[in-house]
Amino acid sequence: QVQLVESGGGLVQPGGSLRLSCASSGSLFSISAMGWYRQAPGKQREAVATITGGGRTNYADSVKGRFTISRDNAKKTVNLQMNSLKPEDTAVYYCKMELNAAWGQGTQVTVSS
């Protein structure tokens, strides 16, 4: 059974940066697309960024130019570098393994002065 564990969330001021990491167990990581999603209070969960096993990326329009998704197949990790953070980026961020729809437990990101 795949386990995904996110880390790196926290409180940051507007304009600041955070780096989220997701560590995966199991043998599916290198062949699966991975995604970062977020859910703000009272809103539906939305896709933020995805990356294929080969490294092709896709971003939500709201984060293009500010967020960067990357992966290390040897370490079985996927990262989300978030720069120029805005209050509207506040949400719980989740890591997802697309192949089997496995989710992590989420990590809170709060952007506030």
C-alpha atoms as a PDB file:
ATOM      1  CA  GLN A   1       0.000   0.000   0.000  1.00  0.00           C
ATOM      2  CA  VAL A   2       1.364   3.372  -1.025  1.00  0.00           C
ATOM      3  CA  GLN A   3       1.903   6.003   1.632  1.00  0.00           C
ATOM      4  CA  LEU A   4       2.408   9.664   0.833  1.00  0.00           C
ATOM      5  CA  VAL A   5       3.691  12.034   3.508  1.00  0.00           C
ATOM      6  CA  GLU A   6       3.730  15.791   2.953  1.00  0.00           C
ATOM      7  CA  SER A   7       5.902  18.274   4.815  1.00  0.00           C
ATOM      8  CA  GLY A   8       6.996  21.883   4.606  1.00  0.00           C
ATOM      9  CA  GLY A   9       3.801  23.800   5.240  1.00  0.00           C
ATOM     10  CA  GLY A  10       3.552  26.710   7.622  1.00  0.00           C
ATOM     11  CA  LEU A  11       2.822  30.394   8.064  1.00  0.00           C
ATOM     12  CA  VAL A  12       4.437  32.860   5.678  1.00  0.00           C
ATOM     13  CA  GLN A  13       3.964  36.529   4.890  1.00  0.00           C
ATOM     14  CA  PRO A  14       2.638  37.658   1.510  1.00  0.00           C
ATOM     15  CA  GLY A  15       5.446  37.659  -1.022  1.00  0.00           C
ATOM     16  CA  GLY A  16       7.296  34.932   0.825  1.00  0.00           C
ATOM     17  CA  SER A  17       8.256  31.412  -0.209  1.00  0.00           C
ATOM     18  CA  LEU A  18       7.698  27.870   0.984  1.00  0.00           C
ATOM     19  CA  ARG A  19       8.842  24.509  -0.300  1.00  0.00           C
ATOM     20  CA  LEU A  20       6.563  21.521   0.118  1.00  0.00           C
ATOM     21  CA  SER A  21       7.821  17.969  -0.112  1.00  0.00           C
ATOM     22  CA  CYS A  22       6.008  14.670  -0.502  1.00  0.00           C
ATOM     23  CA  ALA A  23       7.725  11.371   0.229  1.00  0.00           C
ATOM     24  CA  SER A  24       6.323   8.180  -1.249  1.00  0.00           C
ATOM     25  CA  SER A  25       6.649   4.540  -0.302  1.00  0.00           C
ATOM     26  CA  GLY A  26       6.230   1.604  -2.642  1.00  0.00           C
ATOM     27  CA  SER A  27       7.349   0.847  -6.178  1.00  0.00           C
ATOM     28  CA  LEU A  28       4.900   2.863  -8.284  1.00  0.00           C
ATOM     29  CA  PHE A  29       6.445   6.283  -7.854  1.00  0.00           C
ATOM     30  CA  SER A  30       8.698   6.420 -10.901  1.00  0.00           C
ATOM     31  CA  ILE A  31       5.962   5.360 -13.331  1.00  0.00           C
ATOM     32  CA  SER A  32       3.197   7.528 -11.931  1.00  0.00           C
ATOM     33  CA  ALA A  33       2.319  11.112 -12.569  1.00  0.00           C
ATOM     34  CA  MET A  34       2.252  13.045  -9.300  1.00  0.00           C
ATOM     35  CA  GLY A  35       0.175  16.057  -8.392  1.00  0.00           C
ATOM     36  CA  TRP A  36      -0.180  18.786  -5.828  1.00  0.00           C
ATOM     37  CA  TYR A  37      -3.711  19.860  -4.977  1.00  0.00           C
ATOM     38  CA  ARG A  38      -5.112  22.323  -2.490  1.00  0.00           C
ATOM     39  CA  GLN A  39      -8.350  22.929  -0.660  1.00  0.00           C
ATOM     40  CA  ALA A  40      -9.247  26.228   0.932  1.00  0.00           C
ATOM     41  CA  PRO A  41     -12.002  26.502   3.563  1.00  0.00           C
ATOM     42  CA  GLY A  42     -15.425  26.282   1.954  1.00  0.00           C
ATOM     43  CA  LYS A  43     -13.987  25.511  -1.471  1.00  0.00           C
ATOM     44  CA  GLN A  44     -13.523  22.414  -3.579  1.00  0.00           C
ATOM     45  CA  ARG A  45     -10.148  20.740  -3.857  1.00  0.00           C
ATOM     46  CA  GLU A  46      -8.321  21.965  -6.945  1.00  0.00           C
ATOM     47  CA  ALA A  47      -5.275  20.881  -8.896  1.00  0.00           C
ATOM     48  CA  VAL A  48      -2.255  23.126  -8.475  1.00  0.00           C
ATOM     49  CA  ALA A  49       0.460  21.347 -10.453  1.00  0.00           C
ATOM     50  CA  THR A  50       1.171  17.932 -11.914  1.00  0.00           C
ATOM     51  CA  ILE A  51       4.285  16.219 -13.205  1.00  0.00           C
ATOM     52  CA  THR A  52       4.549  13.054 -15.272  1.00  0.00           C
ATOM     53  CA  GLY A  53       7.028  10.278 -14.616  1.00  0.00           C
ATOM     54  CA  GLY A  54       9.151  11.759 -17.390  1.00  0.00           C
ATOM     55  CA  GLY A  55       9.048  15.257 -15.938  1.00  0.00           C
ATOM     56  CA  ARG A  56       6.440  17.009 -18.051  1.00  0.00           C
ATOM     57  CA  THR A  57       4.654  19.620 -15.943  1.00  0.00           C
ATOM     58  CA  ASN A  58       1.305  21.375 -15.907  1.00  0.00           C
ATOM     59  CA  TYR A  59       0.136  24.251 -13.715  1.00  0.00           C
ATOM     60  CA  ALA A  60      -3.074  25.955 -12.740  1.00  0.00           C
ATOM     61  CA  ASP A  61      -3.278  29.425 -14.257  1.00  0.00           C
ATOM     62  CA  SER A  62      -3.386  30.948 -10.782  1.00  0.00           C
ATOM     63  CA  VAL A  63       0.100  29.687  -9.903  1.00  0.00           C
ATOM     64  CA  LYS A  64       1.937  29.821 -13.242  1.00  0.00           C
ATOM     65  CA  GLY A  65       5.203  31.678 -12.927  1.00  0.00           C
ATOM     66  CA  ARG A  66       5.156  31.439  -9.119  1.00  0.00           C
ATOM     67  CA  PHE A  67       5.116  27.714  -8.319  1.00  0.00           C
ATOM     68  CA  THR A  68       7.455  24.990  -9.589  1.00  0.00           C
ATOM     69  CA  ILE A  69       6.838  21.271  -9.276  1.00  0.00           C
ATOM     70  CA  SER A  70       9.753  18.837  -9.439  1.00  0.00           C
ATOM     71  CA  ARG A  71      10.443  15.211  -8.668  1.00  0.00           C
ATOM     72  CA  ASP A  72      13.322  12.949  -7.722  1.00  0.00           C
ATOM     73  CA  ASN A  73      12.505   9.397  -8.771  1.00  0.00           C
ATOM     74  CA  ALA A  74      15.524   7.959  -6.956  1.00  0.00           C
ATOM     75  CA  LYS A  75      14.394   9.482  -3.663  1.00  0.00           C
ATOM     76  CA  LYS A  76      10.684   8.988  -4.449  1.00  0.00           C
ATOM     77  CA  THR A  77       9.901  12.588  -3.636  1.00  0.00           C
ATOM     78  CA  VAL A  78       7.909  15.314  -5.345  1.00  0.00           C
ATOM     79  CA  ASN A  79       8.357  18.936  -4.380  1.00  0.00           C
ATOM     80  CA  LEU A  80       6.447  22.166  -4.825  1.00  0.00           C
ATOM     81  CA  GLN A  81       8.447  25.378  -4.659  1.00  0.00           C
ATOM     82  CA  MET A  82       6.060  28.243  -3.979  1.00  0.00           C
ATOM     83  CA  ASN A  83       7.268  31.803  -4.468  1.00  0.00           C
ATOM     84  CA  SER A  84       5.528  35.183  -4.343  1.00  0.00           C
ATOM     85  CA  LEU A  85       2.847  33.707  -2.136  1.00  0.00           C
ATOM     86  CA  LYS A  86      -0.497  35.464  -1.849  1.00  0.00           C
ATOM     87  CA  PRO A  87      -3.193  35.269   0.829  1.00  0.00           C
ATOM     88  CA  GLU A  88      -5.396  33.422  -1.658  1.00  0.00           C
ATOM     89  CA  ASP A  89      -2.831  30.601  -1.709  1.00  0.00           C
ATOM     90  CA  THR A  90      -3.869  29.747   1.852  1.00  0.00           C
ATOM     91  CA  ALA A  91      -5.137  26.166   1.881  1.00  0.00           C
ATOM     92  CA  VAL A  92      -4.372  22.619   2.875  1.00  0.00           C
ATOM     93  CA  TYR A  93      -2.024  21.218   0.236  1.00  0.00           C
ATOM     94  CA  TYR A  94      -2.227  17.544  -0.707  1.00  0.00           C
ATOM     95  CA  CYS A  95       0.079  15.282  -2.657  1.00  0.00           C
ATOM     96  CA  LYS A  96      -1.539  12.714  -4.968  1.00  0.00           C
ATOM     97  CA  MET A  97      -0.207   9.699  -6.834  1.00  0.00           C
ATOM     98  CA  GLU A  98      -2.266   9.806 -10.026  1.00  0.00           C
ATOM     99  CA  LEU A  99      -1.809   6.141 -10.985  1.00  0.00           C
ATOM    100  CA  ASN A 100      -3.790   4.781  -8.059  1.00  0.00           C
ATOM    101  CA  ALA A 101      -5.388   7.964  -6.697  1.00  0.00           C
ATOM    102  CA  ALA A 102      -3.537   7.712  -3.386  1.00  0.00           C
ATOM    103  CA  TRP A 103      -3.545  10.905  -1.280  1.00  0.00           C
ATOM    104  CA  GLY A 104      -1.347  12.213   1.461  1.00  0.00           C
ATOM    105  CA  GLN A 105      -2.726  13.623   4.697  1.00  0.00           C
ATOM    106  CA  GLY A 106      -2.170  17.244   3.696  1.00  0.00           C
ATOM    107  CA  THR A 107      -0.099  20.124   5.020  1.00  0.00           C
ATOM    108  CA  GLN A 108      -1.424  23.558   5.939  1.00  0.00           C
ATOM    109  CA  VAL A 109      -0.113  26.632   4.145  1.00  0.00           C
ATOM    110  CA  THR A 110      -1.171  29.991   5.546  1.00  0.00           C
ATOM    111  CA  VAL A 111      -0.205  33.249   3.856  1.00  0.00           C
ATOM    112  CA  SER A 112      -0.885  36.179   6.131  1.00  0.00           C
ATOM    113  CA  SER A 113       0.730  39.291   7.507  1.00  0.00           C
END
